[in-house]
């Protein structure tokens, strides 16, 4: 790798684990620091068909998953539409998915150290300081998630970290219940949504909303009203809360992906869909792209690879995020109108089917909708 032979990765989630696996399989000496191997990330755990097609080992592996073909969208006024998903959404326990990916990395030759990365120095060689020891390498990969406590020296980094406008609060419960459908509820004048995702042996229900606009208490109140309406009880459930990246549009203009002997991947770089909150695909893909750049001896090409592959589309999502949740379309809210259109139009249901599958990008979405509203020749 043109001088890069030893790599240390701070964080062993999907981005760090896949990047480490790819590098180790090619002969690099890789150390991954992950203090919580196989931890349960508070989220729905949905993996799109687009992700499964690019990484088929996720579907073929023995890790537990539930394939769901039904989705129910619920408008703010309670109207509902049910969709048949032609390509299922795979729902995983994140504890089991993360443990599976980290074990693949270990099997490929990565050294997995159950410690937290605390600080890093980059002065010639890279030195990553953990709770009990120090690790030296030629290159540092930051995969520590949205909280991203690991900061680089100011002379090396630009000091970037996500502001409140760039983060979403999530809150939810793991409930001892089952279902065979995904449920998603939208609210008026609320930039976020509520969900009920059925995993193999429990439901993951939750809510996400902009950190700058919501308190944890207000989100929890909305969540409890949703659960009451859906006949779900918190009794016997386990509560969770977490932060997710949801970069505002200006933040995409200065995305801090890499510098001299370091790079960020996944949530630590803010690589999450600002509208849906989906981040597993972008975590895996960014880890893969960085590994490819390092193996080609062109670490400096990584930001351009991310930009050309998916960052432009996520920037488009950030552009439309507020309009999607708070905008008006043909006299009604965007989400209400979307559900009404899906109830009447097979073409619109096919569009939403592609959105759930992850195969409809945002840059083409506007034009596809315009073609449905104003067909050629009319």
Foldseek 3Di string as FASTA:
>chain_A
DVQFQEEEEFDQFQQRLLLLLLLLLVPGAYEYEAQQQLDFDQDQQWDFLVLCVVVVCVVVPPAFKDWFQKAWEAEQVGDIDIFGQPGTIIHHRRSRVSNVSNVSSVVSPYHYHNWHFQEWEDDQWIWTDTPPDIDTGQAYEYEPALVRNYDYPVVWFVPDHDDLQFKKKKKWKWAQDADRYKYWYAHAPFLWIWIWHGTPGTITTMIIGRRVVDDPVVRVVVRVVVCVVVVHDCVVIDMDMDMFTQGALVCLVCQQADTRRYGYFWRRRSQAQNRHRDTSSRSNVLSVLCSVCVVVVRNVCSVVVCVVPPSVLSSLSNVCSCQCRHNDDPHHRNSVVLRVCCNPDPLSSVVVSCVSNVNDTNVCPVVSVVCVVPPPPD
